[in-house]
Each structure stands twice: as structure tokens, then as C-alpha cells.
């Protein structure tokens, strides 16, 4: 074919293809932000609502303290997030394992055209054609290969990354443990406040009704001027103060069960009952040596152990930088096939080795090492700061536990005294030697004494859990995967009541006992 005809054909092809390429390029520039449709948002909202409303293990009876802990650890959304993060870290470690393997690539292809790919020869001396047009390839050619390649340097770096991924798994485990400890602390506090609400809310409602009736009676006395104005007004003021205190208690306690339900992962508005223990149930007695407590805290606190793993990751990063200083050595081996019948050998094997080195890595390495050293220094300082904070928490936790124990004993004595006063006041009221205001006031004081005692017990249980958390004790048994709520609750009960702790000297006793002195 003449060269002019070939040039014309090329120009025609370019004119046909160029508009299509320009159109595709412009279409990419015309993409604009698109807000989500109302239907998509509505579908997401319905899906989330159904997920939140679903209860995997419905409440079958009154919930005790250890079942509340079990439900919180198993179904609380924050705990679920940490559990999923642990699973993600394990999957990332699995991915890192596969990066250690050599690369095996399989390729297949097809090349076709409407005419032969031919060529001619031309004399360099005369410029005349040396041979007739010829071809060495068919119009349609199929090819395939299976090749294995392995880079020694990449293997070393992949091994370092896999070891770092393993450390990230341990960091996720420590974070999961920290969340479990916090959940148990919050559940203990919320559970005992809910217990207090179950005990005193009926009495608070009855007392509020009594105060309202007394206020109505007092107002009639003032309106009808049956007494001197100052006496019924003072009486009314005292009643209003009592009513304000009663309603404050009601407001604080009425949401206790809702808060507990949220921690347990129950849908809002779920109706459930809680086990109301006797006020003479066992209370924790802790008598630990302060030095042993501090040593254990520095060994077992999840926050400190997470920093230890980060230090190990940083040290491995330094190894990766040194590995990058070595040249890359890549070896490959593969089998190939080509359907072109003009080839002498349509099947063949290849093998190769290639070494390469980035000369600029020598200048980049010192900067990387300085960054790693700075990060290590930051982690050391962070560990020291956190260690000081941990030791302070141990001291504060021990002090708070002793004070909470003393406060509980004081509240118990106050409760007994108030109960005796109320009994005497009721006797005087029945013999008409005490008025209604005095009786109502002592009833309000008695309800307040109940709340104070239950609040002190909740504070004592919270202080106990806080002290155990400050020294790095586990909140729940280590092996609890696959257990039902009932099984997990029983495991937690055994763990807490049998003293399944790392340190000695932690036990459960029945009261009364002397209050221990912190060392």
C-alpha cells in the first residue's frame, strides 16, 4: 500500500478516536457532589433502629449484679466496638502473613488485528527495498504465562510488618480489657443506684402525696385565717422544703434503671426487674500492701502495657529502616505459551535474577532514624507520665476505698438511728403528742437515710471496683468467648467472689468488720 494512503488512514483513525477520548475526559470533570436521597437515609435509620431494638438474649427474670456485668461486657456497644477492633487486628495479621509468600502471577491474553503485522527491509546504502514485505506474526495471537517471583528484601520487610501487626493485636486486646474494666465499674455504680431506686421510690411517691395533702390543708388554714398567719406559713415553708428534697431524690433515682439498661445494651424503654439484695449482704474487705499494689499496677495496667507494645513496634521500625539499606535481590521463574505459529518454540521457560539499589536511600535513612528515635523518646516520656498517673490512681483508689467504707458505716449507723427516731415519732403522733409536720419531716428524713445508705453502698462497691482496676486486675475472666449471659454471669460471680485476683489479700466477708487502714 502506498505511504500516502497509509498516512491518510492514520489521520482518519485519529479523527474518529480523538472525540471519544475528549468526551470521556470531560465526563470525568462533570461529576458533582450528590446528597444522599431521603429514601437511603430512611433505610439506614430503620436498619439501625431494628438493630438496636433486637435483643439476642431477652431478659427472662430479675437481673442481678453479675448478670448486669455479663450483659454489659457482652452487649454494650462500646465493648462490641473494641471486640470488633480485636478481630480486625487479627485479620490484618493474617493479611501480613500472606505478604511473606512469594508472588505467583498467572496471565492470559489475546491480541488481534484486521491485517498482518508485516514489515519490509531497506538498504542503508541505496535506500532501495532489500526484501519483499513479510510477517512473523499471525493476525490473532493468544498468550499465557505462569511466573513466580520472590524479592529477598521485600520478604524481610514483610516479616517486620507482620511482627508489628502481631503487636497491634496485643494493643487491641489491652484496649478491650481497659473498656471491660471501665464498664464493670460503671455497672456496679448504676446497679446499686437502681437498687436504691427500687427500695425507696414507692416511699418517695407516698411521701410526696402526703406532703401535697398537708400543703393543701395548710393553705386552707391560711385562707380561712383559722390561726395566726406566721404559724401556718412557717409550717408551709417547712413542707415545701421537704417536698423539694423529696422530688430531688425522685429525679435522681428515677433514671437509674434507664442508665443501667443502656450499659447492658438493652433497647430504651425495655421493662425489666432487678434483684434487690438485703442490706446485710457481704461487703468487700481489702487489706493490701501499698508497695505490692504499686508494683502490680506498673506490671498489669493495660494502658502501660499498650505503650510497651508501641515501643516494640517502634524498635521494629528501626530494623525495617536498616533493611532498606540493603540492595533488593529479586529472583523469578516462569513458564510461557504463545499461539503464534511463526515462532520456533511456542512454549518456553524463563529464569532471571535482578539486583537493584536506590542510591538516595543513604541520604533518607538518617532522617528516618531520627524520627524513630524521637518517637521512642516520646513513648518513654509518655510511659513515665502514665506511670506517675497510675501510681497516683492506686493511692487515691486505696484512700477512696477506706473513706467509702467509713462513709458506709456512718450511713448505716445514721440509718439505724433515724429508724428509731421515726418509730418514736409515730408513737407520739398516734397519741397526738406530735403534729403532722413532725411526722412528715421524720418520714422524709427516713427516706433520705435509706437513700444515703444505698448511695454509700454504691460508692463502696464503685470504690472497690476502682481500686481493683487501679492495680490492673481483670474485670472479667480471660476466657469468656462463646458463653451465654447466664454462663458468663456465673463465671464473673466465681471470679469476684472467690478472689480470682492476681494479688493475695483480697477477700469477701460479711459485715460487721473493722475498717482496714491503708498502708
Protein backbone atom coordinates (compact mmCIF):
# COMPACT_ATOMS: atom_id res chain seq x y z
CA UNK A 1 0.00 0.00 0.00
CA UNK A 2 1.41 3.46 -0.87
CA UNK A 3 2.73 5.53 2.05
CA UNK A 4 0.25 8.35 1.32
CA UNK A 5 -2.70 6.01 1.69
CA UNK A 6 -1.30 4.77 4.99
CA UNK A 7 -0.91 8.31 6.30
CA UNK A 8 -4.48 9.15 5.27
CA UNK A 9 -5.76 6.05 7.09
CA UNK A 10 -3.89 7.05 10.25
CA UNK A 11 -5.38 10.54 10.17
CA UNK A 12 -8.88 9.13 9.71
CA UNK A 13 -8.41 6.81 12.69
CA UNK A 14 -7.14 9.63 14.90
CA UNK A 15 -10.10 11.84 13.94
CA UNK A 16 -12.51 9.05 14.84
CA UNK A 17 -10.90 8.19 18.18
CA UNK A 18 -9.99 11.68 19.44
CA UNK A 19 -13.60 12.94 20.02
CA UNK A 20 -14.38 9.83 22.08
CA UNK A 21 -11.31 10.35 24.26
CA UNK A 22 -12.16 14.02 24.79
CA UNK A 23 -15.77 13.15 25.66
CA UNK A 24 -14.68 10.62 28.28
CA UNK A 25 -12.22 13.11 29.78
CA UNK A 26 -14.86 15.84 30.02
CA UNK A 27 -17.40 13.47 31.58
CA UNK A 28 -14.95 12.83 34.41
CA UNK A 29 -14.76 16.57 35.09
CA UNK A 30 -18.57 16.90 35.21
CA UNK A 31 -19.04 14.69 38.33
CA UNK A 32 -20.63 16.75 41.11
CA UNK A 33 -21.36 16.05 44.80
CA UNK A 34 -24.70 14.32 45.27
CA UNK A 35 -26.51 14.38 48.61
CA UNK A 36 -27.98 11.11 49.81
CA UNK A 37 -31.60 10.50 48.97
CA UNK A 38 -34.21 10.63 51.71
CA UNK A 39 -35.01 7.00 50.98
CA UNK A 40 -31.39 5.95 51.58
CA UNK A 41 -31.23 7.83 54.88
CA UNK A 42 -34.59 6.41 55.93
CA UNK A 43 -33.43 2.87 55.12
CA UNK A 44 -30.31 3.38 57.24
CA UNK A 45 -32.39 4.75 60.13
CA UNK A 46 -34.79 1.80 60.00
CA UNK A 47 -31.90 -0.65 59.84
CA UNK A 48 -30.18 0.96 62.86
CA UNK A 49 -33.44 1.07 64.83
CA UNK A 50 -34.12 -2.61 64.19
CA UNK A 51 -30.56 -3.49 65.18
CA UNK A 52 -30.84 -1.50 68.41
CA UNK A 53 -34.25 -2.99 69.19
CA UNK A 54 -33.10 -6.58 68.75
CA UNK A 55 -32.09 -8.40 71.94
CA UNK A 56 -30.07 -11.55 71.32
CA UNK A 57 -30.82 -12.96 74.78
CA UNK A 58 -34.08 -11.50 76.13
CA UNK A 59 -34.41 -10.76 79.82
CA UNK A 60 -36.07 -13.80 81.41
CA UNK A 61 -36.20 -12.69 85.06
CA UNK A 62 -34.87 -10.22 87.61
CA UNK A 63 -31.32 -9.09 86.78
CA UNK A 64 -28.67 -9.43 89.45
CA UNK A 65 -25.34 -7.62 89.69
CA UNK A 66 -23.31 -10.29 87.88
CA UNK A 67 -25.86 -10.72 85.10
CA UNK A 68 -25.79 -6.95 84.62
CA UNK A 69 -21.99 -7.14 84.31
CA UNK A 70 -22.27 -10.06 81.87
CA UNK A 71 -24.79 -8.25 79.67
CA UNK A 72 -22.67 -5.09 79.67
CA UNK A 73 -19.49 -6.95 78.71
CA UNK A 74 -21.27 -8.95 76.01
CA UNK A 75 -23.77 -6.50 74.50
CA UNK A 76 -22.62 -2.96 75.34
CA UNK A 77 -21.91 -1.17 72.06
CA UNK A 78 -18.60 0.31 73.25
CA UNK A 79 -17.44 -3.17 74.25
CA UNK A 80 -18.60 -4.53 70.88
CA UNK A 81 -16.56 -1.88 69.07
CA UNK A 82 -13.42 -2.94 70.94
CA UNK A 83 -14.15 -6.62 70.30
CA UNK A 84 -14.52 -5.89 66.57
CA UNK A 85 -11.26 -3.92 66.64
CA UNK A 86 -9.54 -7.00 68.09
CA UNK A 87 -10.99 -9.13 65.27
CA UNK A 88 -9.84 -6.53 62.74
CA UNK A 89 -6.32 -6.61 64.18
CA UNK A 90 -6.28 -10.41 63.86
CA UNK A 91 -7.41 -10.18 60.22
CA UNK A 92 -4.72 -7.60 59.49
CA UNK A 93 -2.18 -10.02 60.97
CA UNK A 94 -3.50 -12.74 58.65
CA UNK A 95 -3.04 -10.40 55.70
CA UNK A 96 0.52 -9.68 56.85
CA UNK A 97 1.21 -13.43 56.90
CA UNK A 98 0.30 -13.71 53.22
CA UNK A 99 2.70 -10.89 52.34
CA UNK A 100 5.56 -13.23 53.36
CA UNK A 101 4.77 -15.57 50.46
CA UNK A 102 6.38 -15.19 47.00
CA UNK A 103 4.33 -13.69 44.19
CA UNK A 104 2.81 -16.15 41.72
CA UNK A 105 1.20 -14.43 38.74
CA UNK A 106 -0.90 -16.10 36.03
CA UNK A 107 -1.60 -14.08 32.89
CA UNK A 108 -3.55 -14.78 29.74
CA UNK A 109 -4.12 -12.53 26.76
CA UNK A 110 -5.45 -12.20 23.24
CA UNK A 111 -4.16 -9.86 20.54
CA UNK A 112 -5.93 -9.44 17.22
CA UNK A 113 -5.90 -7.14 14.22
CA UNK A 114 -7.61 -6.90 10.81
CA UNK A 115 -4.42 -7.46 8.81
CA UNK A 116 -1.00 -8.93 9.20
CA UNK A 117 1.70 -7.08 11.06
CA UNK A 118 4.25 -7.09 8.31
CA UNK A 119 7.47 -5.32 7.58
CA UNK A 120 9.99 -4.57 4.83
CA UNK A 121 13.74 -4.24 4.67
CA UNK A 122 15.64 -1.26 3.21
CA UNK A 123 19.23 -0.95 2.12
CA UNK A 124 21.21 1.55 4.13
CA UNK A 125 23.48 2.29 1.18
CA UNK A 126 20.98 2.72 -1.64
CA UNK A 127 17.68 3.19 0.15
CA UNK A 128 16.03 0.57 -2.08
CA UNK A 129 13.81 -2.19 -0.62
CA UNK A 130 16.01 -5.14 0.28
CA UNK A 131 13.30 -7.79 0.67
CA UNK A 132 9.64 -8.16 -0.10
CA UNK A 133 7.10 -7.31 2.70
CA UNK A 134 6.97 -10.16 5.18
CA UNK A 135 5.27 -11.08 8.51
CA UNK A 136 6.29 -13.13 11.53
CA UNK A 137 3.02 -13.00 13.44
CA UNK A 138 -0.50 -14.24 12.91
CA UNK A 139 -3.47 -11.87 12.91
CA UNK A 140 -4.88 -13.35 16.16
CA UNK A 141 -2.50 -14.47 18.86
CA UNK A 142 -3.25 -16.00 22.26
CA UNK A 143 -0.64 -15.98 25.03
CA UNK A 144 -0.33 -17.03 28.65
CA UNK A 145 2.24 -17.42 31.41
CA UNK A 146 2.66 -18.56 34.98
CA UNK A 147 5.53 -16.81 36.76
CA UNK A 148 6.91 -16.94 40.30
CA UNK A 149 8.95 -14.05 41.71
CA UNK A 150 10.48 -13.50 45.12
CA UNK A 151 12.16 -10.40 46.48
CA UNK A 152 14.52 -11.10 49.40
CA UNK A 153 14.34 -7.53 50.69
CA UNK A 154 10.54 -7.45 50.47
CA UNK A 155 10.45 -10.70 52.46
CA UNK A 156 12.50 -9.13 55.25
CA UNK A 157 10.35 -6.00 55.35
CA UNK A 158 7.15 -8.07 55.24
CA UNK A 159 8.39 -10.11 58.20
CA UNK A 160 8.93 -6.92 60.20
CA UNK A 161 5.43 -5.66 59.28
CA UNK A 162 3.90 -8.98 60.30
CA UNK A 163 5.62 -8.77 63.71
CA UNK A 164 4.29 -5.21 64.10
CA UNK A 165 0.79 -6.41 63.18
CA UNK A 166 1.07 -9.05 65.91
CA UNK A 167 1.91 -6.29 68.41
CA UNK A 168 -1.12 -4.32 67.20
CA UNK A 169 -3.26 -7.34 68.06
CA UNK A 170 -1.97 -7.19 71.63
CA UNK A 171 -2.64 -3.43 71.80
CA UNK A 172 -6.24 -4.07 70.72
CA UNK A 173 -6.56 -6.78 73.38
CA UNK A 174 -5.32 -4.39 76.08
CA UNK A 175 -7.78 -1.72 74.91
CA UNK A 176 -10.59 -4.27 75.04
CA UNK A 177 -9.54 -5.17 78.59
CA UNK A 178 -9.49 -1.49 79.61
CA UNK A 179 -13.03 -0.97 78.31
CA UNK A 180 -14.25 -4.07 80.18
CA UNK A 181 -12.78 -2.71 83.42
CA UNK A 182 -14.49 0.67 82.93
CA UNK A 183 -17.79 -1.00 82.09
CA UNK A 184 -17.72 -3.11 85.25
CA UNK A 185 -17.04 0.00 87.34
CA UNK A 186 -19.94 1.88 85.77
CA UNK A 187 -22.30 -1.09 86.02
CA UNK A 188 -21.59 -1.61 89.72
CA UNK A 189 -22.38 2.04 90.43
CA UNK A 190 -25.52 2.10 88.24
CA UNK A 191 -26.78 -1.22 89.63
CA UNK A 192 -26.62 -0.09 93.26
CA UNK A 193 -28.30 3.21 92.38
CA UNK A 194 -31.03 1.21 90.66
CA UNK A 195 -31.33 -0.95 93.79
CA UNK A 196 -31.75 2.20 95.85
CA UNK A 197 -34.44 3.40 93.44
CA UNK A 198 -36.32 0.09 93.73
CA UNK A 199 -36.26 0.35 97.51
CA UNK A 200 -37.24 3.96 98.08
CA UNK A 201 -39.16 5.22 95.02
CA UNK A 202 -42.52 3.82 96.26
CA UNK A 203 -41.92 5.50 99.63
CA UNK A 204 -40.91 8.75 97.91
CA UNK A 205 -44.12 8.79 95.88
CA UNK A 206 -46.21 8.11 99.01
CA UNK A 207 -44.33 10.82 100.91
CA UNK A 208 -44.83 13.32 98.07
CA UNK A 209 -48.57 12.64 98.14
CA UNK A 210 -48.60 13.15 101.95
CA UNK A 211 -46.74 16.44 101.64
CA UNK A 212 -49.11 17.64 98.90
CA UNK A 213 -52.14 16.88 101.08
CA UNK A 214 -50.52 18.63 104.07
CA UNK A 215 -49.80 21.68 101.92
CA UNK A 216 -53.44 21.82 100.78
CA UNK A 217 -54.57 21.62 104.41
CA UNK A 218 -52.14 24.36 105.44
CA UNK A 219 -53.31 26.60 102.61
CA UNK A 220 -56.91 26.25 103.82
CA UNK A 221 -55.80 27.34 107.29
CA UNK A 222 -54.08 30.40 105.81
CA UNK A 223 -57.01 31.26 103.53
CA UNK A 224 -59.62 30.86 106.28
CA UNK A 225 -57.42 32.62 108.88
CA UNK A 226 -58.01 29.88 111.43
CA UNK A 227 -54.62 30.60 113.05
CA UNK A 228 -52.15 33.43 113.25
CA UNK A 229 -50.61 33.74 109.75
CA UNK A 230 -46.98 33.19 110.82
CA UNK A 231 -47.51 29.70 112.25
CA UNK A 232 -49.13 28.07 109.17
CA UNK A 233 -46.75 29.91 106.85
CA UNK A 234 -43.70 28.56 108.70
CA UNK A 235 -45.37 25.17 108.60
CA UNK A 236 -45.92 25.56 104.85
CA UNK A 237 -42.29 26.62 104.29
CA UNK A 238 -41.02 23.51 106.04
CA UNK A 239 -43.34 21.35 103.96
CA UNK A 240 -42.12 22.99 100.73
CA UNK A 241 -38.51 22.32 101.72
CA UNK A 242 -39.39 18.69 102.37
CA UNK A 243 -41.22 18.47 99.03
CA UNK A 244 -38.24 19.95 97.18
CA UNK A 245 -35.89 17.39 98.75
CA UNK A 246 -38.29 14.53 98.02
CA UNK A 247 -38.65 15.50 94.37
CA UNK A 248 -34.88 15.93 94.02
CA UNK A 249 -34.39 12.36 95.26
CA UNK A 250 -37.09 11.14 92.90
CA UNK A 251 -35.47 12.90 89.94
CA UNK A 252 -32.03 11.43 90.68
CA UNK A 253 -33.23 7.88 91.22
CA UNK A 254 -35.94 7.62 88.55
CA UNK A 255 -33.39 7.41 85.71
CA UNK A 256 -31.11 4.86 87.40
CA UNK A 257 -32.69 1.84 85.68
CA UNK A 258 -32.61 3.56 82.30
CA UNK A 259 -28.88 4.20 82.70
CA UNK A 260 -28.30 0.59 83.74
CA UNK A 261 -30.32 -0.66 80.73
CA UNK A 262 -28.17 1.46 78.40
CA UNK A 263 -24.97 -0.02 79.83
CA UNK A 264 -26.35 -3.54 79.37
CA UNK A 265 -27.18 -2.85 75.72
CA UNK A 266 -30.95 -3.13 76.23
CA UNK A 267 -33.18 -1.01 73.96
CA UNK A 268 -34.55 2.18 75.56
CA UNK A 269 -37.83 1.55 77.33
CA UNK A 270 -37.17 -2.15 77.94
CA UNK A 271 -39.05 -3.30 81.02
CA UNK A 272 -37.03 -5.41 83.45
CA UNK A 273 -36.73 -6.08 87.15
CA UNK A 274 -33.55 -6.14 89.21
CA UNK A 275 -32.61 -8.32 92.15
CA UNK A 276 -32.76 -6.23 95.33
CA UNK A 277 -30.24 -7.73 97.78
CA UNK A 278 -30.53 -7.50 101.51
CA UNK A 279 -28.72 -4.62 103.15
CA UNK A 280 -26.71 -7.11 105.20
CA UNK A 281 -25.08 -8.74 102.17
CA UNK A 282 -21.33 -9.17 102.06
CA UNK A 283 -19.14 -6.12 101.58
CA UNK A 284 -15.57 -6.17 100.27
CA UNK A 285 -12.67 -6.08 102.68
CA UNK A 286 -9.31 -5.17 101.15
CA UNK A 287 -6.06 -5.11 103.05
CA UNK A 288 -3.18 -4.84 100.57
CA UNK A 289 0.37 -3.70 100.94
CA UNK A 290 0.83 -0.40 99.13
CA UNK A 291 4.21 -1.39 97.65
CA UNK A 292 2.80 -4.61 96.20
CA UNK A 293 -0.18 -2.69 94.85
CA UNK A 294 2.08 -0.19 93.08
CA UNK A 295 4.32 -2.92 91.65
CA UNK A 296 1.31 -4.81 90.32
CA UNK A 297 -0.19 -1.68 88.80
CA UNK A 298 3.03 -0.95 86.89
CA UNK A 299 3.09 -4.55 85.65
CA UNK A 300 -0.56 -5.11 84.73
CA UNK A 301 -2.25 -1.84 83.82
CA UNK A 302 -3.47 -2.15 80.20
CA UNK A 303 -2.54 1.45 79.36
CA UNK A 304 1.11 0.85 80.28
CA UNK A 305 1.24 -2.49 78.53
CA UNK A 306 -0.15 -0.88 75.36
CA UNK A 307 2.74 1.63 75.43
CA UNK A 308 5.18 -1.29 75.86
CA UNK A 309 3.84 -2.82 72.66
CA UNK A 310 4.11 0.54 70.87
CA UNK A 311 7.75 0.73 71.95
CA UNK A 312 8.31 -2.72 70.48
CA UNK A 313 6.67 -1.64 67.22
CA UNK A 314 8.93 1.42 67.12
CA UNK A 315 12.02 -0.75 67.66
CA UNK A 316 10.97 -2.98 64.77
CA UNK A 317 10.56 0.11 62.60
CA UNK A 318 14.27 0.81 63.13
CA UNK A 319 15.04 -2.70 61.87
CA UNK A 320 12.93 -2.02 58.78
CA UNK A 321 14.96 1.15 58.07
CA UNK A 322 18.23 -0.78 58.27
CA UNK A 323 16.85 -3.46 55.95
CA UNK A 324 16.09 -0.77 53.38
CA UNK A 325 19.83 -0.02 53.23
CA UNK A 326 20.48 -3.38 51.57
CA UNK A 327 20.07 -3.83 47.81
CA UNK A 328 16.98 -5.53 46.54
CA UNK A 329 17.54 -9.00 45.09
CA UNK A 330 14.68 -10.36 43.01
CA UNK A 331 14.61 -13.84 41.50
CA UNK A 332 11.93 -15.06 39.12
CA UNK A 333 10.98 -18.22 37.25
CA UNK A 334 8.10 -18.74 34.85
CA UNK A 335 6.57 -20.74 32.03
CA UNK A 336 5.22 -19.05 28.87
CA UNK A 337 2.99 -20.04 25.93
CA UNK A 338 2.21 -18.23 22.67
CA UNK A 339 -0.10 -19.46 19.89
CA UNK A 340 1.82 -17.66 17.14
CA UNK A 341 2.70 -20.46 14.69
CA UNK A 342 5.58 -18.44 13.22
CA UNK A 343 7.54 -18.89 16.47
CA UNK A 344 10.09 -21.65 16.54
CA UNK A 345 9.20 -22.52 20.16
CA UNK A 346 5.69 -21.77 21.29
CA UNK A 347 6.40 -22.94 24.87
CA UNK A 348 9.41 -21.84 26.88
CA UNK A 349 10.72 -21.25 30.43
CA UNK A 350 12.41 -18.13 31.76
CA UNK A 351 14.54 -17.56 34.83
CA UNK A 352 16.16 -14.36 35.97
CA UNK A 353 17.80 -12.58 38.88
CA UNK A 354 17.96 -8.84 39.34
CA UNK A 355 19.66 -6.68 41.93
CA UNK A 356 18.78 -3.02 42.42
CA UNK A 357 19.73 -0.33 44.88
CA UNK A 358 18.28 3.10 45.48
CA UNK A 359 21.29 5.36 45.91
CA UNK A 360 19.21 8.11 47.56
CA UNK A 361 18.23 5.79 50.43
CA UNK A 362 21.62 6.55 52.04
CA UNK A 363 20.55 10.19 52.44
CA UNK A 364 16.99 9.33 53.52
CA UNK A 365 17.93 6.81 56.23
CA UNK A 366 19.39 9.26 58.81
CA UNK A 367 16.18 11.32 58.75
CA UNK A 368 14.08 8.19 59.26
CA UNK A 369 16.26 7.03 62.16
CA UNK A 370 15.99 10.43 63.83
CA UNK A 371 12.18 10.30 63.52
CA UNK A 372 12.14 6.79 65.05
CA UNK A 373 14.44 7.93 67.87
CA UNK A 374 12.18 10.92 68.57
CA UNK A 375 9.12 8.68 68.62
CA UNK A 376 10.86 6.31 71.03
CA UNK A 377 11.77 9.23 73.30
CA UNK A 378 8.16 10.42 73.21
CA UNK A 379 6.93 6.92 74.18
CA UNK A 380 9.43 6.79 77.08
CA UNK A 381 8.23 10.13 78.43
CA UNK A 382 4.61 9.12 77.88
CA UNK A 383 5.23 5.90 79.79
CA UNK A 384 6.78 7.81 82.69
CA UNK A 385 3.91 10.29 82.82
CA UNK A 386 1.36 7.49 82.69
CA UNK A 387 3.23 5.51 85.37
CA UNK A 388 3.08 8.50 87.70
CA UNK A 389 -0.64 8.84 86.96
CA UNK A 390 -1.15 5.11 87.64
CA UNK A 391 0.66 5.28 90.99
CA UNK A 392 -1.45 8.29 91.92
CA UNK A 393 -4.61 6.37 90.98
CA UNK A 394 -3.53 3.47 93.20
CA UNK A 395 -3.01 5.80 96.15
CA UNK A 396 -6.25 7.69 95.50
CA UNK A 397 -8.14 4.42 94.95
CA UNK A 398 -6.94 2.97 98.26
CA UNK A 399 -7.80 6.20 100.08
CA UNK A 400 -11.24 6.41 98.48
CA UNK A 401 -11.97 2.80 99.40
CA UNK A 402 -11.12 3.38 103.06
CA UNK A 403 -13.20 6.58 103.10
CA UNK A 404 -16.09 4.88 101.29
CA UNK A 405 -16.00 2.09 103.87
CA UNK A 406 -16.12 4.64 106.69
CA UNK A 407 -18.94 6.53 104.94
CA UNK A 408 -20.92 3.32 104.55
CA UNK A 409 -20.52 2.55 108.25
CA UNK A 410 -21.59 6.11 109.16
CA UNK A 411 -24.61 5.86 106.84
CA UNK A 412 -25.55 2.54 108.42
CA UNK A 413 -25.38 4.00 111.93
CA UNK A 414 -27.37 7.05 110.81
CA UNK A 415 -29.98 4.80 109.21
CA UNK A 416 -30.42 2.80 112.43
CA UNK A 417 -30.72 5.97 114.49
CA UNK A 418 -33.23 7.55 112.10
CA UNK A 419 -35.32 4.38 112.09
CA UNK A 420 -35.53 4.55 115.90
CA UNK A 421 -36.47 8.27 115.77
CA UNK A 422 -39.21 7.60 113.22
CA UNK A 423 -40.62 4.81 115.37
CA UNK A 424 -40.74 7.11 118.42
CA UNK A 425 -42.28 9.93 116.38
CA UNK A 426 -45.01 7.62 115.07
CA UNK A 427 -45.83 6.57 118.62
CA UNK A 428 -46.06 10.23 119.71
CA UNK A 429 -48.20 11.07 116.67
CA UNK A 430 -50.61 8.23 117.47
CA UNK A 431 -51.01 9.65 120.99
CA UNK A 432 -51.42 13.13 119.46
CA UNK A 433 -48.27 14.42 121.16
CA UNK A 434 -46.62 15.17 117.76
CA UNK A 435 -48.16 17.06 114.85
CA UNK A 436 -48.37 16.06 111.20
CA UNK A 437 -45.42 18.24 110.17
CA UNK A 438 -43.11 16.46 112.60
CA UNK A 439 -44.21 13.04 111.34
CA UNK A 440 -43.86 14.03 107.69
CA UNK A 441 -40.43 15.54 108.35
CA UNK A 442 -39.19 12.36 110.04
CA UNK A 443 -40.61 10.22 107.26
CA UNK A 444 -38.68 12.35 104.77
CA UNK A 445 -35.56 12.01 106.90
CA UNK A 446 -36.06 8.25 106.99
CA UNK A 447 -36.34 8.07 103.19
CA UNK A 448 -33.23 10.26 102.92
CA UNK A 449 -31.43 7.91 105.32
CA UNK A 450 -32.38 4.95 103.11
CA UNK A 451 -31.05 6.74 100.04
CA UNK A 452 -27.92 7.79 101.89
CA UNK A 453 -27.25 4.21 102.96
CA UNK A 454 -27.80 2.83 99.47
CA UNK A 455 -25.73 5.62 97.94
CA UNK A 456 -22.91 4.87 100.38
CA UNK A 457 -23.12 1.18 99.45
CA UNK A 458 -22.99 2.08 95.76
CA UNK A 459 -19.98 4.29 96.48
CA UNK A 460 -18.29 1.47 98.38
CA UNK A 461 -18.83 -1.01 95.54
CA UNK A 462 -17.62 1.54 93.00
CA UNK A 463 -14.54 2.33 95.10
CA UNK A 464 -13.81 -1.40 95.36
CA UNK A 465 -14.03 -1.86 91.58
CA UNK A 466 -11.94 1.28 91.06
CA UNK A 467 -9.25 0.01 93.43
CA UNK A 468 -9.11 -3.34 91.64
CA UNK A 469 -8.91 -1.53 88.29
CA UNK A 470 -6.15 0.80 89.53
CA UNK A 471 -3.87 -2.16 90.33
CA UNK A 472 -4.56 -3.77 86.95
CA UNK A 473 -6.88 -6.59 87.99
CA UNK A 474 -9.07 -8.15 85.33
CA UNK A 475 -12.73 -7.14 85.49
CA UNK A 476 -13.94 -10.39 83.95
CA UNK A 477 -12.39 -13.84 83.41
CA UNK A 478 -9.99 -14.04 80.48
CA UNK A 479 -11.78 -16.94 78.74
CA UNK A 480 -15.41 -16.00 78.12
CA UNK A 481 -15.87 -16.34 74.35
CA UNK A 482 -18.97 -18.24 73.26
CA UNK A 483 -20.62 -18.18 76.69
CA UNK A 484 -24.26 -17.28 77.17
CA UNK A 485 -25.25 -14.47 79.52
CA UNK A 486 -26.10 -16.98 82.28
CA UNK A 487 -22.77 -18.80 81.90
CA UNK A 488 -20.82 -15.56 81.74
CA UNK A 489 -22.64 -14.18 84.81
CA UNK A 490 -21.74 -17.33 86.75
CA UNK A 491 -18.10 -17.08 85.64
CA UNK A 492 -17.94 -13.43 86.76
CA UNK A 493 -19.57 -14.33 90.09
CA UNK A 494 -17.00 -17.04 90.73
CA UNK A 495 -14.20 -14.71 89.68
CA UNK A 496 -15.22 -11.86 92.00
CA UNK A 497 -16.46 -13.84 94.99
CA UNK A 498 -13.75 -16.50 95.06
CA UNK A 499 -10.97 -13.92 94.88
CA UNK A 500 -9.68 -14.87 91.45
CA UNK A 501 -7.23 -11.99 91.51
CA UNK A 502 -3.53 -11.71 90.91
CA UNK A 503 -2.66 -10.38 94.35
CA UNK A 504 -3.33 -12.01 97.70
CA UNK A 505 -5.26 -10.34 100.48
CA UNK A 506 -8.47 -9.66 98.54
CA UNK A 507 -11.47 -11.38 100.00
CA UNK A 508 -15.23 -11.09 100.51
CA UNK A 509 -16.57 -11.11 104.06
CA UNK A 510 -19.83 -10.41 105.77
CA UNK A 511 -20.11 -7.34 107.90
CA UNK A 512 -19.52 -6.10 110.57
CA UNK A 513 -15.72 -5.91 110.44
CA UNK A 514 -13.15 -3.38 111.45
CA UNK A 515 -12.32 -0.88 108.78
CA UNK A 516 -8.85 -1.59 107.33
CA UNK A 517 -6.16 1.02 107.41
CA UNK A 518 -4.43 1.84 104.14
CA UNK A 519 -0.67 1.35 104.25
